Protein backbone atom coordinates (compact mmCIF):
# COMPACT_ATOMS: atom_id res chain seq x y z
CA MET A 1 92.38 119.91 94.61
CA MET A 2 91.87 122.05 97.44
CA LEU A 3 93.20 120.84 100.81
CA SER A 4 92.11 122.04 104.15
CA MET A 5 93.12 119.67 106.14
CA LEU A 6 94.85 116.29 105.31
CA THR A 7 94.39 114.10 102.66
CA THR A 8 94.55 110.61 102.40
CA THR A 9 94.51 108.72 98.84
CA PRO A 10 94.35 104.73 98.90
CA ILE A 11 97.24 103.19 97.30
CA PRO A 12 96.27 100.49 94.37
CA ASP A 13 97.07 96.98 95.25
CA SER A 14 98.78 98.30 98.67
CA ASP A 15 97.47 98.71 102.19
CA ASP A 16 99.07 101.62 102.07
CA THR A 17 98.41 105.02 101.62
CA LEU A 18 99.36 108.44 100.45
CA ASP A 19 99.21 111.28 102.87
CA LEU A 20 98.65 115.12 101.47
CA ALA A 21 99.09 117.88 104.42
CA PRO A 22 98.26 121.34 103.14
CA THR A 23 100.18 123.89 103.30
CA ASP A 24 99.18 126.72 106.06
CA ASP A 25 98.27 129.86 103.55
CA GLY A 26 94.71 128.05 102.84
CA LEU A 27 95.44 127.91 99.54
CA GLY A 28 94.58 124.41 99.38
CA TYR A 29 97.93 122.89 98.11
CA ALA A 30 99.99 120.11 99.16
CA ALA A 31 102.96 121.23 101.19
CA SER A 32 104.06 117.84 101.84
CA ILE A 33 103.59 114.20 100.67
CA THR A 34 103.88 111.12 102.80
CA ARG A 35 103.38 107.50 101.98
CA ARG A 36 102.44 105.62 105.14
CA GLY A 37 102.37 102.09 105.88
CA SER A 38 98.99 100.74 107.27
CA ASP A 39 100.08 100.36 110.84
CA GLY A 40 100.09 104.53 110.44
CA SER A 41 104.04 104.08 109.98
CA VAL A 42 106.21 107.04 107.41
CA ARG A 43 107.54 104.75 104.94
CA TRP A 44 108.74 107.67 103.26
CA THR A 45 108.26 111.52 103.14
CA ALA A 46 108.98 114.04 99.96
CA ILE A 47 108.54 117.76 99.62
CA PRO A 48 108.65 120.20 97.10
CA PRO A 49 111.62 121.52 94.92
CA LYS A 50 113.06 124.41 97.21
CA VAL A 51 113.13 126.81 94.02
CA GLU A 52 110.67 129.07 95.28
CA PRO A 53 110.59 129.75 99.37
CA GLN A 54 106.73 128.35 99.58
CA ASP A 55 106.49 126.41 97.11
CA ALA A 56 104.11 123.69 97.18
CA CYS A 57 102.64 120.83 94.91
CA THR A 58 99.74 121.68 93.24
CA VAL A 59 98.53 118.62 91.92
CA VAL A 60 99.26 115.13 92.92
CA ARG A 61 98.71 111.92 91.09
CA LEU A 62 99.51 108.29 91.30
CA GLU A 63 100.79 106.86 87.35
CA GLY A 64 101.73 103.03 87.84
CA PRO A 65 105.00 102.88 89.62
CA CYS A 66 105.58 106.71 90.38
CA VAL A 67 103.84 109.58 92.75
CA ILE A 68 103.63 112.62 89.74
CA ALA A 69 103.52 116.32 91.19
CA ASN A 70 103.06 119.45 89.71
CA SER A 71 104.72 122.57 91.99
CA TRP A 72 103.47 126.24 92.27
CA SER A 73 106.80 127.23 90.66
CA GLY A 74 106.43 124.90 87.90
CA TYR A 75 107.93 121.90 87.90
CA LEU A 76 106.78 118.46 87.15
CA VAL A 77 108.37 115.81 89.83
CA GLN A 78 108.22 111.99 89.40
CA LEU A 79 109.13 110.03 92.40
CA ASP A 80 109.61 106.50 92.92
CA LEU A 81 106.38 104.88 94.74
CA GLU A 82 108.49 102.57 96.94
CA THR A 83 111.09 104.69 97.67
CA GLY A 84 109.72 108.42 97.37
CA ASP A 85 112.93 109.38 95.61
CA GLU A 86 112.85 111.88 92.85
CA LEU A 87 113.25 110.01 89.60
CA ALA A 88 113.23 112.78 87.55
CA ARG A 89 112.21 116.69 87.48
CA THR A 90 111.09 118.88 84.74
CA PHE A 91 110.38 122.65 84.10
CA THR A 92 107.14 122.91 82.46
CA LYS A 93 106.64 126.80 82.77
């Protein structure tokens, strides 16, 4: 996933989307994940774990009712698709 600009991913069975905002460094990672309604309203925004000063999401995917994000610092974070709440965080390195 190489992001140089905002990337939008449709959410299956919904009019909502996930917007992945790129980091400022141009490396192609996501600085935040935002769920937006069809009218553009923000339902929730999640940012990577604040373990490293410039952490970012390197991979983001949907798995059923969860958003799964891998961070550069080695965390796999599960977010609730409806609320954006963090459900679990696992260190993978």
